[in-house]
Amino acid sequence: MNESEIRMELDCRGLKCPMPVIKTRKAIKELNSGDVLKMISSDPGSINDIKAWAKRTGNKLLREDHQQSEFVFIIAKN
């Protein structure tokens, strides 16, 4: 996965649960099947929330990175 494959980047830094998931859900609706979304969050709760949301909705969590106080999720729309 390289940065050129990402169709949309969503910055959710500073937002608390449940806003990162709500904004991710809204953003993914704007994409076509197979498109990739990069979401950045500062809320540690996003780790479990995004995993559960992806599993529930059938979207694929391709990668997650944790760097200091930022959490980056790469998600492919189903």
N, C-alpha and C. Protein backbone atom coordinates (compact mmCIF):
# COMPACT_ATOMS: atom_id res chain seq x y z
N MET A 1 0.85 -1.17 0.00
CA MET A 1 0.00 0.00 0.00
C MET A 1 0.89 1.23 0.00
N ASN A 2 0.74 2.07 -1.01
CA ASN A 2 1.47 3.33 -1.00
C ASN A 2 0.49 4.49 -0.94
N GLU A 3 1.00 5.66 -0.65
CA GLU A 3 0.15 6.83 -0.44
C GLU A 3 -0.69 7.17 -1.67
N SER A 4 -0.22 6.84 -2.87
CA SER A 4 -0.98 7.19 -4.08
C SER A 4 -2.27 6.39 -4.22
N GLU A 5 -2.40 5.29 -3.50
CA GLU A 5 -3.62 4.49 -3.57
C GLU A 5 -4.72 5.04 -2.67
N ILE A 6 -4.39 5.97 -1.81
CA ILE A 6 -5.38 6.54 -0.89
C ILE A 6 -6.21 7.58 -1.63
N ARG A 7 -7.54 7.39 -1.62
CA ARG A 7 -8.44 8.30 -2.33
C ARG A 7 -8.88 9.48 -1.47
N MET A 8 -8.89 9.28 -0.14
CA MET A 8 -9.34 10.35 0.76
C MET A 8 -8.59 10.24 2.08
N GLU A 9 -8.26 11.40 2.64
CA GLU A 9 -7.64 11.44 3.96
C GLU A 9 -8.55 12.22 4.90
N LEU A 10 -8.80 11.66 6.06
CA LEU A 10 -9.71 12.23 7.04
C LEU A 10 -8.93 12.49 8.33
N ASP A 11 -8.91 13.74 8.76
CA ASP A 11 -8.20 14.13 9.97
C ASP A 11 -9.19 14.24 11.12
N CYS A 12 -9.13 13.31 12.05
CA CYS A 12 -10.02 13.30 13.21
C CYS A 12 -9.26 13.59 14.51
N ARG A 13 -8.07 14.16 14.38
CA ARG A 13 -7.30 14.50 15.57
C ARG A 13 -8.07 15.52 16.39
N GLY A 14 -8.05 15.32 17.71
CA GLY A 14 -8.74 16.22 18.62
C GLY A 14 -10.18 15.83 18.89
N LEU A 15 -10.72 14.88 18.14
CA LEU A 15 -12.10 14.44 18.33
C LEU A 15 -12.14 13.24 19.27
N LYS A 16 -13.14 13.20 20.09
CA LYS A 16 -13.33 12.09 21.03
C LYS A 16 -14.44 11.17 20.56
N CYS A 17 -14.42 9.95 21.06
CA CYS A 17 -15.43 8.95 20.76
C CYS A 17 -16.82 9.54 20.99
N PRO A 18 -17.73 9.34 20.09
CA PRO A 18 -17.72 8.47 18.91
C PRO A 18 -17.43 9.20 17.60
N MET A 19 -16.99 10.46 17.65
CA MET A 19 -16.85 11.26 16.44
C MET A 19 -15.90 10.68 15.38
N PRO A 20 -14.74 10.11 15.73
CA PRO A 20 -13.91 9.54 14.66
C PRO A 20 -14.63 8.46 13.84
N VAL A 21 -15.41 7.61 14.51
CA VAL A 21 -16.14 6.56 13.79
C VAL A 21 -17.27 7.18 12.97
N ILE A 22 -17.97 8.15 13.52
CA ILE A 22 -19.06 8.79 12.79
C ILE A 22 -18.54 9.48 11.53
N LYS A 23 -17.43 10.21 11.66
CA LYS A 23 -16.85 10.89 10.50
C LYS A 23 -16.29 9.88 9.48
N THR A 24 -15.73 8.78 9.97
CA THR A 24 -15.22 7.73 9.08
C THR A 24 -16.38 7.11 8.29
N ARG A 25 -17.47 6.82 8.98
CA ARG A 25 -18.65 6.24 8.32
C ARG A 25 -19.17 7.18 7.23
N LYS A 26 -19.24 8.47 7.53
CA LYS A 26 -19.72 9.45 6.55
C LYS A 26 -18.77 9.54 5.35
N ALA A 27 -17.47 9.57 5.62
CA ALA A 27 -16.47 9.69 4.55
C ALA A 27 -16.48 8.46 3.65
N ILE A 28 -16.60 7.28 4.23
CA ILE A 28 -16.53 6.04 3.43
C ILE A 28 -17.73 5.96 2.48
N LYS A 29 -18.86 6.56 2.86
CA LYS A 29 -20.04 6.56 1.99
C LYS A 29 -19.80 7.34 0.71
N GLU A 30 -18.87 8.29 0.74
CA GLU A 30 -18.56 9.10 -0.43
C GLU A 30 -17.65 8.38 -1.42
N LEU A 31 -17.07 7.26 -1.01
CA LEU A 31 -16.12 6.53 -1.84
C LEU A 31 -16.79 5.41 -2.60
N ASN A 32 -16.13 4.94 -3.64
CA ASN A 32 -16.59 3.78 -4.40
C ASN A 32 -16.00 2.51 -3.80
N SER A 33 -16.61 1.39 -4.09
CA SER A 33 -16.12 0.11 -3.62
C SER A 33 -14.66 -0.07 -4.05
N GLY A 34 -13.81 -0.47 -3.11
CA GLY A 34 -12.39 -0.67 -3.38
C GLY A 34 -11.53 0.55 -3.11
N ASP A 35 -12.16 1.73 -3.00
CA ASP A 35 -11.40 2.94 -2.68
C ASP A 35 -10.83 2.86 -1.27
N VAL A 36 -9.76 3.59 -1.04
CA VAL A 36 -9.06 3.52 0.24
C VAL A 36 -9.12 4.87 0.95
N LEU A 37 -9.43 4.80 2.24
CA LEU A 37 -9.52 5.97 3.12
C LEU A 37 -8.41 5.89 4.16
N LYS A 38 -7.76 7.02 4.41
CA LYS A 38 -6.79 7.12 5.49
C LYS A 38 -7.41 8.02 6.56
N MET A 39 -7.54 7.48 7.78
CA MET A 39 -8.11 8.25 8.87
C MET A 39 -7.05 8.38 9.96
N ILE A 40 -6.86 9.61 10.45
CA ILE A 40 -5.90 9.89 11.51
C ILE A 40 -6.67 10.36 12.74
N SER A 41 -6.39 9.75 13.88
CA SER A 41 -7.09 10.08 15.11
C SER A 41 -6.09 10.25 16.25
N SER A 42 -6.47 11.04 17.25
CA SER A 42 -5.67 11.16 18.46
C SER A 42 -6.35 10.47 19.64
N ASP A 43 -7.53 9.89 19.40
CA ASP A 43 -8.29 9.22 20.46
C ASP A 43 -7.92 7.74 20.52
N PRO A 44 -7.32 7.28 21.63
CA PRO A 44 -6.95 5.87 21.74
C PRO A 44 -8.14 4.92 21.61
N GLY A 45 -9.33 5.41 21.93
CA GLY A 45 -10.53 4.59 21.78
C GLY A 45 -10.82 4.23 20.33
N SER A 46 -10.23 4.98 19.41
CA SER A 46 -10.43 4.70 17.98
C SER A 46 -9.92 3.33 17.58
N ILE A 47 -8.92 2.84 18.29
CA ILE A 47 -8.33 1.54 17.94
C ILE A 47 -9.42 0.46 17.94
N ASN A 48 -10.09 0.30 19.06
CA ASN A 48 -11.14 -0.72 19.14
C ASN A 48 -12.38 -0.33 18.34
N ASP A 49 -12.71 0.97 18.34
CA ASP A 49 -13.91 1.43 17.64
C ASP A 49 -13.82 1.17 16.14
N ILE A 50 -12.70 1.51 15.53
CA ILE A 50 -12.55 1.35 14.08
C ILE A 50 -12.50 -0.14 13.71
N LYS A 51 -11.81 -0.94 14.52
CA LYS A 51 -11.79 -2.39 14.26
C LYS A 51 -13.20 -2.97 14.29
N ALA A 52 -13.96 -2.63 15.32
CA ALA A 52 -15.33 -3.16 15.45
C ALA A 52 -16.22 -2.65 14.32
N TRP A 53 -16.10 -1.37 13.99
CA TRP A 53 -16.90 -0.79 12.90
C TRP A 53 -16.59 -1.47 11.57
N ALA A 54 -15.31 -1.66 11.27
CA ALA A 54 -14.92 -2.30 10.01
C ALA A 54 -15.47 -3.72 9.93
N LYS A 55 -15.35 -4.46 11.02
CA LYS A 55 -15.86 -5.83 11.04
C LYS A 55 -17.38 -5.86 10.85
N ARG A 56 -18.07 -4.95 11.52
CA ARG A 56 -19.53 -4.90 11.45
C ARG A 56 -20.03 -4.48 10.07
N THR A 57 -19.31 -3.58 9.41
CA THR A 57 -19.77 -3.05 8.13
C THR A 57 -19.21 -3.79 6.92
N GLY A 58 -18.21 -4.63 7.13
CA GLY A 58 -17.62 -5.36 6.01
C GLY A 58 -16.53 -4.59 5.28
N ASN A 59 -16.22 -3.38 5.77
CA ASN A 59 -15.10 -2.65 5.19
C ASN A 59 -13.81 -3.27 5.73
N LYS A 60 -12.73 -3.17 4.94
CA LYS A 60 -11.51 -3.89 5.30
C LYS A 60 -10.47 -2.94 5.89
N LEU A 61 -10.07 -3.22 7.12
CA LEU A 61 -8.99 -2.48 7.76
C LEU A 61 -7.68 -3.05 7.22
N LEU A 62 -7.06 -2.31 6.31
CA LEU A 62 -5.84 -2.79 5.67
C LEU A 62 -4.62 -2.66 6.56
N ARG A 63 -4.60 -1.55 7.33
CA ARG A 63 -3.42 -1.31 8.17
C ARG A 63 -3.79 -0.33 9.27
N GLU A 64 -3.14 -0.48 10.39
CA GLU A 64 -3.24 0.51 11.45
C GLU A 64 -1.85 0.75 12.01
N ASP A 65 -1.54 2.01 12.22
CA ASP A 65 -0.24 2.39 12.76
C ASP A 65 -0.47 3.24 13.99
N HIS A 66 0.37 3.04 14.99
CA HIS A 66 0.30 3.81 16.22
C HIS A 66 1.64 4.51 16.37
N GLN A 67 1.61 5.83 16.32
CA GLN A 67 2.84 6.60 16.45
C GLN A 67 2.62 7.66 17.52
N GLN A 68 3.23 7.46 18.68
CA GLN A 68 3.09 8.35 19.82
C GLN A 68 1.61 8.56 20.13
N SER A 69 1.08 9.74 19.93
CA SER A 69 -0.32 9.99 20.29
C SER A 69 -1.22 10.03 19.08
N GLU A 70 -0.77 9.49 17.95
CA GLU A 70 -1.60 9.45 16.74
C GLU A 70 -1.82 8.01 16.30
N PHE A 71 -3.01 7.79 15.79
CA PHE A 71 -3.41 6.48 15.31
C PHE A 71 -3.88 6.64 13.87
N VAL A 72 -3.26 5.87 12.98
CA VAL A 72 -3.57 5.97 11.55
C VAL A 72 -4.20 4.67 11.09
N PHE A 73 -5.33 4.79 10.41
CA PHE A 73 -6.07 3.63 9.91
C PHE A 73 -6.21 3.75 8.40
N ILE A 74 -5.89 2.67 7.70
CA ILE A 74 -6.06 2.59 6.26
C ILE A 74 -7.19 1.59 6.02
N ILE A 75 -8.28 2.08 5.41
CA ILE A 75 -9.50 1.29 5.27
C ILE A 75 -9.93 1.26 3.81
N ALA A 76 -10.24 0.04 3.33
CA ALA A 76 -10.78 -0.12 1.97
C ALA A 76 -12.29 -0.31 2.07
N LYS A 77 -13.02 0.44 1.24
CA LYS A 77 -14.47 0.32 1.23
C LYS A 77 -14.86 -1.00 0.59
N ASN A 78 -15.88 -1.66 1.19
CA ASN A 78 -16.33 -2.94 0.64
C ASN A 78 -17.12 -2.75 -0.62
